[in-house]
N, C-alpha and C. Protein backbone atom coordinates (compact mmCIF):
# COMPACT_ATOMS: atom_id res chain seq x y z
N MET A 1 148.66 37.96 -11.19
CA MET A 1 147.80 37.32 -11.40
C MET A 1 148.31 35.73 -12.33
N SER A 2 149.21 35.21 -12.46
CA SER A 2 149.32 34.40 -12.64
C SER A 2 150.50 33.27 -11.94
N THR A 3 149.98 34.31 -10.67
CA THR A 3 150.63 32.87 -9.42
C THR A 3 149.00 32.82 -8.54
N MET A 4 148.11 33.78 -8.28
CA MET A 4 147.40 33.34 -8.13
C MET A 4 146.68 32.88 -7.96
N ARG A 5 146.83 31.20 -7.01
CA ARG A 5 146.03 30.16 -6.91
C ARG A 5 145.47 30.21 -5.77
N ALA A 6 143.55 28.98 -5.86
CA ALA A 6 143.06 28.42 -5.12
C ALA A 6 143.83 28.19 -4.30
N MET A 7 144.03 29.17 -2.15
CA MET A 7 144.40 28.50 -1.58
C MET A 7 143.64 28.68 -1.01
N ARG A 8 143.69 27.01 -0.48
CA ARG A 8 142.96 26.32 0.84
C ARG A 8 143.89 26.02 1.81
N LYS A 9 145.00 25.90 2.04
CA LYS A 9 145.70 26.03 2.85
C LYS A 9 146.49 27.15 3.95
N LEU A 10 145.17 27.38 4.68
CA LEU A 10 146.55 28.30 5.42
C LEU A 10 146.88 27.83 6.95
N LYS A 11 147.69 28.63 7.81
CA LYS A 11 148.57 29.05 8.50
C LYS A 11 147.60 29.89 9.77
N PRO A 12 147.47 29.42 10.74
CA PRO A 12 146.52 29.73 11.90
C PRO A 12 146.98 31.14 12.56
N ASP A 13 147.87 31.98 12.42
CA ASP A 13 148.73 32.83 12.75
C ASP A 13 148.06 34.38 12.38
N PRO A 14 147.43 34.69 13.05
CA PRO A 14 146.08 35.69 12.81
C PRO A 14 146.88 36.95 11.49
N VAL A 15 145.59 37.64 10.54
CA VAL A 15 146.14 38.90 9.61
C VAL A 15 145.58 39.99 10.50
N PRO A 16 146.62 40.94 10.85
CA PRO A 16 146.63 41.87 11.33
C PRO A 16 145.22 42.77 10.85
N ARG A 17 144.08 43.38 11.57
CA ARG A 17 142.87 44.15 10.80
C ARG A 17 143.39 45.35 10.46
N GLU A 18 144.17 45.47 10.25
CA GLU A 18 144.81 46.91 9.07
C GLU A 18 145.09 46.13 8.03
N LEU A 19 145.64 45.72 7.71
CA LEU A 19 146.13 44.90 6.29
C LEU A 19 144.34 44.35 6.09
N LEU A 20 143.57 43.71 6.52
CA LEU A 20 142.45 42.78 6.14
C LEU A 20 141.13 44.36 5.51
N GLU A 21 141.24 45.41 6.22
CA GLU A 21 141.28 46.68 5.66
C GLU A 21 141.58 47.09 4.23
N ARG A 22 142.38 47.19 4.47
CA ARG A 22 143.19 47.21 2.69
C ARG A 22 143.32 46.57 1.89
N LEU A 23 142.30 44.83 2.06
CA LEU A 23 141.71 44.04 1.50
C LEU A 23 140.27 44.72 0.53
N VAL A 24 139.94 45.49 1.70
CA VAL A 24 138.85 46.47 2.03
C VAL A 24 138.83 47.02 0.50
N GLU A 25 139.33 47.94 0.88
CA GLU A 25 139.54 49.22 0.21
C GLU A 25 139.63 48.73 -1.49
N ALA A 26 140.20 48.09 -1.15
CA ALA A 26 140.38 47.71 -2.43
C ALA A 26 139.46 46.96 -3.57
N ALA A 27 138.77 46.22 -2.89
CA ALA A 27 137.38 45.76 -3.02
C ALA A 27 135.84 46.64 -3.06
N THR A 28 136.78 47.76 -3.01
CA THR A 28 135.39 49.14 -3.15
C THR A 28 135.75 50.29 -4.24
N TRP A 29 137.41 49.98 -4.77
CA TRP A 29 137.88 50.73 -5.73
C TRP A 29 137.01 50.24 -6.75
N ALA A 30 136.03 48.99 -6.63
CA ALA A 30 136.03 48.08 -7.83
C ALA A 30 134.32 48.85 -8.31
N PRO A 31 134.35 48.57 -9.90
CA PRO A 31 132.74 49.12 -10.30
C PRO A 31 131.38 48.50 -9.15
N SER A 32 130.21 48.65 -8.95
CA SER A 32 128.98 48.43 -8.76
C SER A 32 127.92 49.12 -9.91
N ALA A 33 126.31 48.17 -9.81
CA ALA A 33 126.12 48.96 -10.66
C ALA A 33 124.97 50.68 -10.47
N GLY A 34 125.46 51.08 -11.40
CA GLY A 34 124.53 52.66 -11.09
C GLY A 34 125.90 53.20 -10.61
N ASN A 35 126.90 53.17 -9.95
CA ASN A 35 127.85 53.54 -9.00
C ASN A 35 127.18 53.48 -7.52
N THR A 36 126.19 52.48 -7.39
CA THR A 36 125.38 52.55 -5.62
C THR A 36 126.54 52.41 -4.91
N GLN A 37 127.06 51.56 -4.73
CA GLN A 37 127.87 50.82 -3.84
C GLN A 37 127.62 50.24 -2.32
N THR A 38 126.39 49.27 -2.92
CA THR A 38 125.49 49.35 -1.42
C THR A 38 125.76 48.08 -0.66
N TYR A 39 127.56 47.89 -0.83
CA TYR A 39 128.11 46.22 -1.20
C TYR A 39 128.34 47.10 0.61
N GLY A 40 128.05 45.54 1.00
CA GLY A 40 129.08 45.51 2.85
C GLY A 40 129.61 43.95 2.79
N PHE A 41 130.97 44.21 3.77
CA PHE A 41 132.10 43.47 3.75
C PHE A 41 131.83 42.70 5.32
N VAL A 42 131.79 42.05 5.83
CA VAL A 42 131.40 41.38 7.09
C VAL A 42 133.44 40.41 7.18
N ILE A 43 133.95 40.91 8.23
CA ILE A 43 135.80 40.32 8.59
C ILE A 43 134.63 39.47 10.16
N VAL A 44 135.18 37.91 9.67
CA VAL A 44 134.65 37.65 10.62
C VAL A 44 136.59 37.18 11.11
N ASP A 45 136.85 37.62 12.16
CA ASP A 45 138.24 37.03 13.12
C ASP A 45 138.43 36.82 13.98
N ASP A 46 136.76 36.48 14.66
CA ASP A 46 136.40 35.77 16.44
C ASP A 46 136.53 34.33 16.59
N ARG A 47 136.64 34.03 16.50
CA ARG A 47 137.30 32.56 17.50
C ARG A 47 134.67 31.77 17.23
N GLU A 48 134.79 32.76 18.22
CA GLU A 48 133.25 32.50 17.88
C GLU A 48 132.69 32.08 17.19
N THR A 49 132.46 32.86 15.94
CA THR A 49 131.69 33.14 15.40
C THR A 49 132.52 32.86 14.24
N MET A 50 133.98 32.41 14.21
CA MET A 50 134.35 30.95 12.97
C MET A 50 133.52 30.56 13.59
N ALA A 51 134.21 29.26 14.53
CA ALA A 51 133.07 28.15 15.27
C ALA A 51 132.11 27.81 14.54
N LYS A 52 130.72 28.67 14.82
CA LYS A 52 130.05 28.81 13.45
C LYS A 52 129.53 28.70 12.46
N CYS A 53 130.58 29.65 12.00
CA CYS A 53 130.99 29.75 10.13
C CYS A 53 131.17 27.95 9.40
N GLY A 54 131.86 27.74 10.90
CA GLY A 54 132.54 26.15 10.56
C GLY A 54 131.58 24.76 10.62
N ARG A 55 130.86 25.06 11.77
CA ARG A 55 130.11 24.16 11.06
C ARG A 55 129.40 23.93 10.06
N ILE A 56 128.97 25.43 9.59
CA ILE A 56 128.27 25.28 8.81
C ILE A 56 129.20 24.80 7.40
N TRP A 57 130.80 25.16 7.68
CA TRP A 57 130.98 24.66 6.52
C TRP A 57 131.55 23.57 6.23
N ARG A 58 131.79 22.83 7.35
CA ARG A 58 131.98 21.26 7.32
C ARG A 58 130.85 21.29 6.99
N ARG A 59 129.79 20.83 6.87
CA ARG A 59 128.96 20.11 6.51
C ARG A 59 128.38 20.81 4.49
N GLN A 60 128.54 21.70 4.53
CA GLN A 60 128.44 22.54 2.66
C GLN A 60 129.88 21.20 2.13
N GLN A 61 131.13 21.09 2.72
CA GLN A 61 132.07 20.49 2.27
C GLN A 61 131.21 19.21 2.09
N ARG A 62 130.56 18.33 3.05
CA ARG A 62 130.83 17.13 3.24
C ARG A 62 129.85 17.07 2.27
N PHE A 63 129.05 17.86 1.51
CA PHE A 63 127.80 17.36 0.61
C PHE A 63 128.24 17.68 -0.91
N TYR A 64 128.84 19.10 -0.82
CA TYR A 64 129.75 18.98 -2.10
C TYR A 64 130.62 17.62 -2.82
N SER A 65 131.98 17.62 -1.85
CA SER A 65 132.43 16.17 -2.35
C SER A 65 132.13 14.55 -2.64
N ARG A 66 130.74 14.34 -1.45
CA ARG A 66 130.67 13.10 -1.81
C ARG A 66 129.91 13.25 -3.19
N ALA A 67 129.34 14.70 -3.70
CA ALA A 67 128.21 14.65 -5.26
C ALA A 67 128.71 14.99 -5.87
N GLN A 68 130.30 15.80 -6.00
CA GLN A 68 131.30 16.25 -6.91
C GLN A 68 132.04 15.25 -7.08
N GLU A 69 133.14 14.63 -5.78
CA GLU A 69 134.09 13.86 -5.96
C GLU A 69 134.72 13.38 -7.05
N PRO A 70 133.48 11.98 -7.45
CA PRO A 70 133.24 11.19 -8.39
C PRO A 70 133.38 11.56 -10.00
N LEU A 71 132.97 13.37 -9.75
CA LEU A 71 132.68 13.18 -11.24
C LEU A 71 133.61 14.18 -11.40
N VAL A 72 135.04 13.35 -11.90
CA VAL A 72 135.92 14.11 -12.82
C VAL A 72 135.77 15.66 -13.50
N PRO A 73 135.76 16.90 -13.51
CA PRO A 73 136.19 17.66 -14.84
C PRO A 73 136.86 17.15 -16.16
N GLU A 74 136.38 17.54 -17.64
CA GLU A 74 136.44 17.65 -18.22
C GLU A 74 138.41 18.72 -18.16
N PHE A 75 139.05 18.65 -18.75
CA PHE A 75 140.39 19.23 -18.41
C PHE A 75 141.18 19.53 -17.46
N THR A 76 141.16 18.23 -16.49
CA THR A 76 141.94 17.78 -15.19
C THR A 76 142.19 16.26 -15.55
N THR A 77 142.87 15.53 -14.65
CA THR A 77 142.92 14.02 -14.50
C THR A 77 142.23 13.87 -13.03
N ALA A 78 141.97 11.99 -12.97
CA ALA A 78 141.64 11.74 -11.83
C ALA A 78 142.52 12.41 -10.27
N GLU A 79 143.60 12.28 -10.37
CA GLU A 79 144.32 12.77 -9.71
C GLU A 79 144.25 13.85 -9.02
N LYS A 80 144.65 15.06 -9.76
CA LYS A 80 144.31 16.52 -10.31
C LYS A 80 143.08 16.75 -9.09
N TRP A 81 141.95 16.20 -9.43
CA TRP A 81 140.36 15.88 -9.22
C TRP A 81 140.55 15.70 -7.56
N THR A 82 140.78 14.34 -7.54
CA THR A 82 141.29 14.13 -6.18
C THR A 82 142.15 15.28 -4.90
N LYS A 83 143.72 15.66 -5.57
CA LYS A 83 143.99 16.81 -4.54
C LYS A 83 143.33 17.67 -4.28
N VAL A 84 142.49 17.81 -5.18
CA VAL A 84 141.60 19.55 -5.24
C VAL A 84 140.11 19.02 -3.69
N HIS A 85 139.70 18.27 -3.47
CA HIS A 85 139.11 17.40 -2.73
C HIS A 85 140.08 17.12 -1.39
N ASP A 86 141.17 16.82 -1.20
CA ASP A 86 141.94 16.49 -0.39
C ASP A 86 141.97 17.89 0.72
N ALA A 87 142.38 18.53 -0.43
CA ALA A 87 142.13 19.93 -0.59
C ALA A 87 141.18 20.82 1.15
N LEU A 88 139.97 20.01 0.21
CA LEU A 88 138.97 20.66 0.55
C LEU A 88 138.64 20.24 2.58
N ARG A 89 138.49 18.93 1.83
CA ARG A 89 138.67 18.33 3.75
C ARG A 89 140.03 18.55 5.03
N HIS A 90 140.15 19.14 4.20
CA HIS A 90 141.70 19.67 4.71
C HIS A 90 141.68 21.01 5.81
N GLN A 91 140.87 21.77 4.47
CA GLN A 91 140.21 23.31 4.85
C GLN A 91 138.75 23.11 6.09
N ALA A 92 138.11 21.99 5.46
CA ALA A 92 136.86 21.79 6.33
C ALA A 92 137.63 21.73 8.21
N ALA A 93 138.59 20.31 8.61
CA ALA A 93 139.06 19.78 8.98
C ALA A 93 138.91 21.33 10.20
N HIS A 94 140.50 22.40 9.25
CA HIS A 94 141.25 23.14 10.07
C HIS A 94 139.89 24.56 10.16
N PHE A 95 139.40 24.37 9.74
CA PHE A 95 138.23 25.83 9.15
C PHE A 95 138.30 26.35 10.21
N ASP A 96 138.23 26.12 11.87
CA ASP A 96 137.84 27.35 13.74
C ASP A 96 139.11 27.23 13.49
N ASP A 97 140.08 27.51 12.73
CA ASP A 97 141.55 27.84 13.06
C ASP A 97 141.70 29.19 11.54
N THR A 98 141.22 28.97 10.92
CA THR A 98 141.12 30.13 9.40
C THR A 98 141.23 31.57 10.09
N PRO A 99 142.64 32.15 10.07
CA PRO A 99 142.63 33.81 10.35
C PRO A 99 141.56 34.69 10.33
N ALA A 100 140.86 34.67 9.22
CA ALA A 100 139.24 35.27 8.91
C ALA A 100 139.33 34.82 7.66
N LEU A 101 137.33 35.79 7.87
CA LEU A 101 136.94 35.58 6.42
C LEU A 101 136.36 36.79 6.37
N ILE A 102 136.64 36.60 4.35
CA ILE A 102 135.38 38.62 4.25
C ILE A 102 134.29 37.90 3.62
N VAL A 103 133.34 37.98 4.74
CA VAL A 103 131.89 37.97 3.55
C VAL A 103 131.19 38.61 2.23
N PHE A 104 131.50 39.23 1.16
CA PHE A 104 130.84 40.10 0.42
C PHE A 104 129.15 39.78 0.27
N THR A 105 128.58 40.72 0.50
CA THR A 105 128.00 41.22 0.47
C THR A 105 126.94 42.39 -0.54
N TYR A 106 125.91 42.33 -0.32
CA TYR A 106 125.18 42.92 -1.06
C TYR A 106 123.29 43.62 -0.60
N ASP A 107 123.22 44.81 -0.72
CA ASP A 107 122.11 45.43 -0.70
C ASP A 107 120.96 45.77 -1.12
N PHE A 108 120.01 44.64 -1.97
CA PHE A 108 119.30 45.74 -2.88
C PHE A 108 117.91 46.33 -2.81
N THR A 109 117.63 46.50 -2.01
CA THR A 109 116.72 46.98 -1.35
C THR A 109 116.31 48.51 -2.06
N GLY A 110 117.29 49.07 -1.72
CA GLY A 110 117.37 50.90 -3.01
C GLY A 110 117.31 50.75 -4.46
N THR A 111 118.22 49.83 -4.29
CA THR A 111 118.67 49.50 -6.00
C THR A 111 117.41 49.92 -7.47
N VAL A 112 118.28 50.00 -8.88
CA VAL A 112 117.29 50.07 -9.67
C VAL A 112 117.00 48.84 -9.90
N ILE A 113 117.76 47.76 -10.31
CA ILE A 113 117.14 46.39 -10.02
C ILE A 113 115.70 45.92 -9.22
N THR A 114 116.23 46.02 -7.95
CA THR A 114 114.72 46.03 -7.25
C THR A 114 113.65 46.68 -7.56
N LYS A 115 114.18 47.76 -7.91
CA LYS A 115 113.18 49.22 -7.42
C LYS A 115 112.37 48.45 -9.44
N MET A 116 112.72 47.73 -10.55
CA MET A 116 112.32 47.32 -11.23
C MET A 116 111.49 46.62 -11.03
N VAL A 117 111.67 44.90 -9.85
CA VAL A 117 110.82 43.91 -10.12
C VAL A 117 109.79 44.02 -9.08
N LYS A 118 109.63 45.06 -7.96
CA LYS A 118 108.41 45.41 -7.75
C LYS A 118 107.78 46.44 -8.45
N GLY A 119 108.38 47.60 -9.24
CA GLY A 119 107.57 48.24 -10.16
C GLY A 119 107.15 48.24 -11.51
N LEU A 120 106.49 47.10 -11.05
CA LEU A 120 105.59 46.83 -12.53
C LEU A 120 105.39 47.90 -14.10
N ARG A 121 105.02 48.66 -13.24
CA ARG A 121 104.78 49.82 -14.14
C ARG A 121 105.82 50.02 -15.10
N HIS A 122 107.42 50.10 -14.42
CA HIS A 122 108.18 50.05 -15.21
C HIS A 122 108.77 49.40 -15.96
N THR A 123 108.68 48.02 -15.50
CA THR A 123 108.96 47.40 -16.32
C THR A 123 108.08 47.11 -17.33
N LEU A 124 106.69 47.75 -17.19
CA LEU A 124 105.79 47.56 -18.66
C LEU A 124 106.54 48.11 -19.63
N ALA A 125 107.07 49.52 -18.85
CA ALA A 125 106.79 50.32 -19.67
C ALA A 125 108.28 50.21 -20.32
N GLY A 126 109.48 49.40 -20.31
CA GLY A 126 110.09 48.59 -20.67
C GLY A 126 110.11 47.74 -22.08
N CYS A 127 108.97 47.06 -21.41
CA CYS A 127 108.11 46.16 -22.66
C CYS A 127 107.54 46.69 -23.86
N ALA A 128 107.18 48.26 -23.66
CA ALA A 128 106.25 48.79 -24.51
C ALA A 128 107.31 49.25 -25.13
N ALA A 129 108.66 49.84 -24.59
CA ALA A 129 109.97 50.38 -25.70
C ALA A 129 110.35 49.36 -26.77
N VAL A 130 110.16 48.05 -26.46
CA VAL A 130 110.87 46.87 -27.53
C VAL A 130 109.45 46.31 -28.56
N GLY A 131 108.19 46.52 -27.99
CA GLY A 131 107.43 46.35 -28.74
C GLY A 131 106.90 44.53 -28.07
N PRO A 132 105.80 43.69 -29.16
CA PRO A 132 105.52 42.13 -28.20
C PRO A 132 106.71 41.48 -29.16
N VAL A 133 107.43 41.18 -30.20
CA VAL A 133 108.57 40.55 -30.30
C VAL A 133 109.42 40.95 -29.58
N GLY A 134 109.70 42.01 -29.12
CA GLY A 134 111.06 41.79 -28.15
C GLY A 134 110.72 41.31 -27.08
N THR A 135 109.40 41.91 -25.78
CA THR A 135 109.33 41.53 -24.84
C THR A 135 109.13 39.85 -25.02
N LEU A 136 108.97 39.11 -26.27
CA LEU A 136 108.29 38.00 -26.22
C LEU A 136 109.37 37.30 -25.92
N LYS A 137 110.33 37.90 -26.76
CA LYS A 137 112.26 37.16 -26.19
C LYS A 137 112.73 37.60 -25.07
N MET A 138 112.81 38.72 -24.95
CA MET A 138 112.84 38.78 -22.83
C MET A 138 112.84 38.19 -22.07
N LEU A 139 111.66 38.16 -22.13
CA LEU A 139 110.82 37.48 -20.65
C LEU A 139 111.41 35.93 -20.17
N PRO A 140 111.70 35.37 -21.22
CA PRO A 140 112.48 33.90 -20.33
C PRO A 140 114.05 34.39 -19.90
N ASN A 141 114.33 35.28 -20.53
CA ASN A 141 115.94 36.07 -19.89
C ASN A 141 116.02 37.10 -19.07
N LEU A 142 114.37 37.22 -18.62
CA LEU A 142 114.51 38.69 -17.22
C LEU A 142 115.12 37.79 -15.58
N VAL A 143 115.05 36.64 -15.55
CA VAL A 143 115.88 36.59 -14.46
C VAL A 143 117.13 35.99 -14.20
N ARG A 144 117.96 35.81 -15.69
CA ARG A 144 119.12 36.29 -15.76
C ARG A 144 119.29 37.43 -15.45
N PHE A 145 119.15 37.98 -16.73
CA PHE A 145 119.14 39.63 -16.55
C PHE A 145 119.76 39.83 -15.33
N PHE A 146 118.14 39.91 -14.18
CA PHE A 146 118.13 40.12 -12.71
C PHE A 146 119.71 39.86 -11.70
N SER A 147 119.73 38.24 -12.23
CA SER A 147 120.86 37.71 -11.49
C SER A 147 122.27 37.99 -11.91
N THR A 148 122.34 38.25 -13.25
CA THR A 148 123.65 39.37 -13.54
C THR A 148 124.18 39.82 -12.85
N GLY A 149 123.07 40.90 -13.01
CA GLY A 149 123.04 42.59 -12.67
C GLY A 149 123.63 42.44 -11.82
N GLU A 150 122.83 41.64 -10.57
CA GLU A 150 123.57 41.42 -9.05
C GLU A 150 124.86 41.20 -8.71
N ALA A 151 125.02 40.16 -9.74
CA ALA A 151 126.70 39.57 -10.22
C ALA A 151 127.07 40.98 -10.34
N ALA A 152 127.20 41.17 -11.11
CA ALA A 152 128.33 41.55 -11.67
C ALA A 152 128.50 43.70 -11.00
N SER A 153 127.81 43.50 -9.43
CA SER A 153 127.80 44.64 -9.04
C SER A 153 128.63 43.96 -7.73
N ILE A 154 129.35 43.15 -7.26
CA ILE A 154 130.10 42.38 -6.39
C ILE A 154 131.42 41.89 -6.48
N TYR A 155 131.11 40.99 -7.85
CA TYR A 155 132.61 40.37 -7.99
C TYR A 155 133.08 40.83 -8.87
N PRO A 156 133.25 41.89 -9.12
CA PRO A 156 134.62 42.18 -9.69
C PRO A 156 135.27 43.03 -7.95
N ALA A 157 134.71 43.30 -7.22
CA ALA A 157 135.09 43.57 -5.56
C ALA A 157 135.67 42.42 -5.38
N VAL A 158 135.66 41.54 -5.11
CA VAL A 158 135.99 39.90 -4.73
C VAL A 158 137.21 39.92 -5.70
N GLU A 159 137.38 40.11 -6.66
CA GLU A 159 138.58 39.57 -7.21
C GLU A 159 139.23 40.72 -6.89
N ASN A 160 139.12 42.45 -7.02
CA ASN A 160 140.33 42.91 -6.21
C ASN A 160 140.83 42.58 -5.17
N THR A 161 140.07 41.72 -4.34
CA THR A 161 140.25 41.57 -3.01
C THR A 161 141.48 40.61 -3.66
N LEU A 162 140.96 39.51 -3.92
CA LEU A 162 141.71 38.56 -4.24
C LEU A 162 143.63 38.56 -4.74
N LEU A 163 143.32 40.03 -5.54
CA LEU A 163 144.49 40.29 -6.30
C LEU A 163 145.73 40.87 -5.30
N ALA A 164 145.07 42.25 -3.99
CA ALA A 164 145.32 42.46 -3.20
C ALA A 164 145.85 42.29 -1.95
N ALA A 165 144.93 40.83 -2.20
CA ALA A 165 145.45 39.89 -0.85
C ALA A 165 147.30 38.89 -1.75
N ARG A 166 146.84 39.06 -2.42
CA ARG A 166 147.99 38.60 -3.79
C ARG A 166 149.69 38.75 -3.32
N ALA A 167 149.16 40.67 -3.55
CA ALA A 167 150.15 41.61 -3.80
C ALA A 167 150.27 41.39 -2.31
N HIS A 168 149.67 40.99 -1.20
CA HIS A 168 150.23 41.01 0.44
C HIS A 168 150.55 39.26 1.16
N GLY A 169 151.24 39.00 -0.18
CA GLY A 169 151.78 37.29 0.94
C GLY A 169 149.92 36.81 0.68
N LEU A 170 149.48 36.93 1.05
CA LEU A 170 148.14 36.31 1.65
C LEU A 170 147.34 35.63 0.94
N ALA A 171 147.35 34.63 1.50
CA ALA A 171 146.50 33.40 0.68
C ALA A 171 144.96 33.65 0.88
N ALA A 172 143.79 32.77 -0.59
CA ALA A 172 142.69 33.36 -0.29
C ALA A 172 141.82 32.89 -1.48
N CYS A 173 140.63 32.64 -1.31
CA CYS A 173 140.16 31.32 -1.70
C CYS A 173 138.39 32.29 -2.42
N LEU A 174 138.42 31.50 -3.43
CA LEU A 174 136.89 32.44 -3.48
C LEU A 174 135.86 31.49 -3.33
N THR A 175 134.66 31.40 -2.45
CA THR A 175 134.00 30.01 -2.56
C THR A 175 133.11 30.91 -2.56
N THR A 176 131.54 29.76 -2.96
CA THR A 176 130.10 29.79 -3.21
C THR A 176 129.01 29.33 -2.87
N TRP A 177 130.11 28.50 -1.58
CA TRP A 177 128.84 27.57 -1.51
C TRP A 177 128.23 27.86 -0.99
N HIS A 178 128.11 28.01 -0.13
CA HIS A 178 127.40 29.07 1.65
C HIS A 178 125.49 28.97 0.92
N THR A 179 125.80 29.12 -0.35
CA THR A 179 123.95 29.45 -1.34
C THR A 179 123.24 28.35 -0.88
N ILE A 180 124.43 27.18 -0.44
CA ILE A 180 123.45 25.86 0.29
C ILE A 180 123.22 26.13 1.49
N TYR A 181 123.62 27.23 2.63
CA TYR A 181 123.59 27.25 3.48
C TYR A 181 122.96 28.45 3.69
N GLU A 182 122.95 29.65 3.25
CA GLU A 182 123.00 30.47 3.16
C GLU A 182 121.74 31.47 4.15
N PRO A 183 120.66 30.49 4.71
CA PRO A 183 119.90 31.28 6.08
C PRO A 183 120.65 31.07 6.91
N ASP A 184 121.99 29.75 7.49
CA ASP A 184 122.69 29.54 8.58
C ASP A 184 123.53 30.79 8.54
N TRP A 185 123.96 30.53 7.23
CA TRP A 185 124.73 32.30 7.65
C TRP A 185 124.64 33.64 7.39
N ARG A 186 123.34 33.44 7.78
CA ARG A 186 122.91 34.83 7.51
C ARG A 186 122.80 35.12 8.72
N ARG A 187 122.23 34.36 9.80
CA ARG A 187 121.59 33.89 11.48
C ARG A 187 123.20 34.02 11.81
N ALA A 188 123.78 33.17 11.33
CA ALA A 188 125.30 33.60 12.10
C ALA A 188 126.21 34.91 11.95
N LEU A 189 125.58 35.07 10.92
CA LEU A 189 126.34 36.40 10.59
C LEU A 189 125.30 37.76 10.88
N GLY A 190 124.47 37.84 11.65
CA GLY A 190 123.05 38.30 11.88
C GLY A 190 123.21 39.18 10.77
N LEU A 191 123.20 39.42 9.63
CA LEU A 191 122.22 39.92 8.81
C LEU A 191 121.01 40.56 8.75
N LYS A 192 120.94 41.50 8.01
CA LYS A 192 119.88 41.97 8.18
C LYS A 192 119.38 41.67 6.48
N ARG A 193 118.13 41.83 7.21
CA ARG A 193 116.75 41.82 6.12
C ARG A 193 117.45 42.25 4.56
N GLY A 194 117.13 41.95 3.69
CA GLY A 194 117.23 42.39 2.04
C GLY A 194 118.49 42.56 1.16
N THR A 195 119.84 41.89 2.88
CA THR A 195 121.13 41.51 2.04
C THR A 195 121.65 40.01 2.23
N LYS A 196 122.07 40.08 0.75
CA LYS A 196 122.54 39.32 -0.34
C LYS A 196 124.10 38.57 0.36
N ILE A 197 124.34 37.88 0.48
CA ILE A 197 125.46 37.36 0.70
C ILE A 197 126.21 36.23 -0.73
N TYR A 198 127.28 36.64 -1.82
CA TYR A 198 127.79 36.50 -2.56
C TYR A 198 128.95 35.55 -2.99
N CYS A 199 129.32 36.16 -1.65
CA CYS A 199 131.14 35.19 -1.10
C CYS A 199 131.74 35.55 -0.19
N VAL A 200 132.42 34.22 -0.32
CA VAL A 200 133.06 33.98 1.34
C VAL A 200 134.06 33.39 0.72
N VAL A 201 135.36 34.37 1.58
CA VAL A 201 136.69 34.15 1.50
C VAL A 201 137.61 34.02 2.57
N PRO A 202 137.90 32.49 2.01
CA PRO A 202 138.70 32.28 3.63
C PRO A 202 140.35 33.14 2.89
N VAL A 203 141.37 34.04 4.91
CA VAL A 203 142.35 35.23 3.99
C VAL A 203 142.64 34.65 5.20
N GLY A 204 144.45 33.77 4.75
CA GLY A 204 145.36 33.37 6.10
C GLY A 204 147.09 33.63 4.99
N TRP A 205 147.95 32.91 5.92
CA TRP A 205 149.47 33.28 5.41
C TRP A 205 148.93 31.72 4.65
N PRO A 206 149.44 31.81 3.89
CA PRO A 206 149.99 30.35 2.90
C PRO A 206 150.93 29.29 3.80
N GLU A 207 150.55 28.16 3.68
CA GLU A 207 151.18 26.76 4.00
C GLU A 207 152.15 26.50 3.01
N GLY A 208 151.75 26.89 1.26
CA GLY A 208 152.21 26.07 0.36
C GLY A 208 152.82 27.12 -0.63
N LYS A 209 152.56 26.73 -1.58
CA LYS A 209 153.60 28.20 -2.45
C LYS A 209 152.79 29.09 -3.63
N PHE A 210 153.00 29.65 -4.02
CA PHE A 210 151.87 31.05 -4.87
C PHE A 210 152.41 30.46 -6.43
N GLY A 211 151.59 29.98 -7.57
CA GLY A 211 151.61 29.83 -8.23
C GLY A 211 152.31 28.88 -8.75
N PRO A 212 153.29 28.77 -10.02
CA PRO A 212 152.23 28.94 -11.26
C PRO A 212 151.34 28.69 -11.85
N VAL A 213 149.44 29.66 -12.39
CA VAL A 213 148.99 28.43 -12.62
C VAL A 213 148.94 28.17 -14.17
N ALA A 214 148.09 26.76 -14.01
CA ALA A 214 147.69 26.16 -15.11
C ALA A 214 146.89 25.84 -15.42
N ARG A 215 146.76 26.90 -16.58
CA ARG A 215 145.23 26.98 -17.30
C ARG A 215 145.90 26.53 -19.16
N ARG A 216 144.64 26.21 -19.56
CA ARG A 216 144.21 26.00 -21.37
C ARG A 216 145.27 27.19 -22.44
N PRO A 217 145.83 26.68 -22.55
CA PRO A 217 146.17 28.05 -24.11
C PRO A 217 145.14 29.31 -24.68
N VAL A 218 145.50 30.32 -24.56
CA VAL A 218 144.70 30.85 -25.34
C VAL A 218 143.73 30.89 -26.38
N ALA A 219 144.54 29.87 -27.30
CA ALA A 219 144.42 29.43 -28.66
C ALA A 219 143.28 28.61 -28.21
N ASP A 220 143.02 27.78 -27.04
CA ASP A 220 141.69 26.59 -26.93
C ASP A 220 140.58 27.35 -26.92
N VAL A 221 140.74 28.80 -26.72
CA VAL A 221 139.56 29.46 -25.88
C VAL A 221 139.37 30.26 -25.93
N VAL A 222 140.12 31.03 -26.75
CA VAL A 222 139.35 32.30 -27.49
C VAL A 222 138.60 31.95 -29.27
N ARG A 223 137.97 32.23 -29.18
CA ARG A 223 137.10 32.68 -31.23
C ARG A 223 136.80 34.59 -31.34
N TYR A 224 137.66 34.24 -32.52
CA TYR A 224 136.87 35.73 -33.41
C TYR A 224 135.53 35.06 -34.09
N THR A 225 134.76 36.78 -34.27
CA THR A 225 134.00 36.90 -34.82
C THR A 225 134.52 36.60 -37.25
N GLY A 226 133.57 36.47 -37.31
CA GLY A 226 133.35 37.10 -39.14
C GLY A 226 135.08 35.67 -39.32
N THR A 227 135.10 35.94 -40.67
CA THR A 227 135.63 35.10 -42.29
C THR A 227 137.11 35.13 -41.54
N ALA A 228 137.55 36.13 -41.27
CA ALA A 228 138.84 37.05 -41.51
C ALA A 228 140.31 36.62 -40.39
N THR A 229 141.18 35.83 -40.84
CA THR A 229 142.73 34.89 -39.61
C THR A 229 143.48 36.03 -38.97
N GLY A 230 143.14 36.64 -38.19
CA GLY A 230 144.41 36.88 -37.50
C GLY A 230 146.13 36.58 -38.47
């Protein structure tokens, strides 16, 4: 874990499908909401589809870097932030040579979350259980409740995949900017209605070295409740 950096510079050498399927197997070991397991994993390793994805990717990168590169985040430096965007530009320029993509999808058509959204009767029953005051407090948070429930069903699988990739010496990087042009991605991948994309992970053999990662000290990010000190 301490050496699992986001790796965007990949060699063009192919990754065996057997190895890619091991990564997906690790993904399936993660939990999902109600153990529904309606996730899906689209592996892109053919050059025609990769080229279609590459055209979308470069458009995303242009927007992202133009909008965000001038905005240096807290806890980093302008020099480091520029290096991040240099890596993004490199990845975009060489995207068509990416050995493989693993696209993480989830079909919520028959899940409890979807049934709650569509079935007003069930939602009203839940509101009755918490009373008028509880309902008023809850209503502004329902969208977030449903969206985090969706995310919780797929992102543990993404982390499992990243860890498995690192264990096999593969470079990988979690990306979510497909959401900018998700309809284009859906067409490129031929996804059916009701299936959402949550993450696109480029996978390949690394050009650079793994880790160690640079992170803020635990003491800077942890807070205990109560007044007692440890």
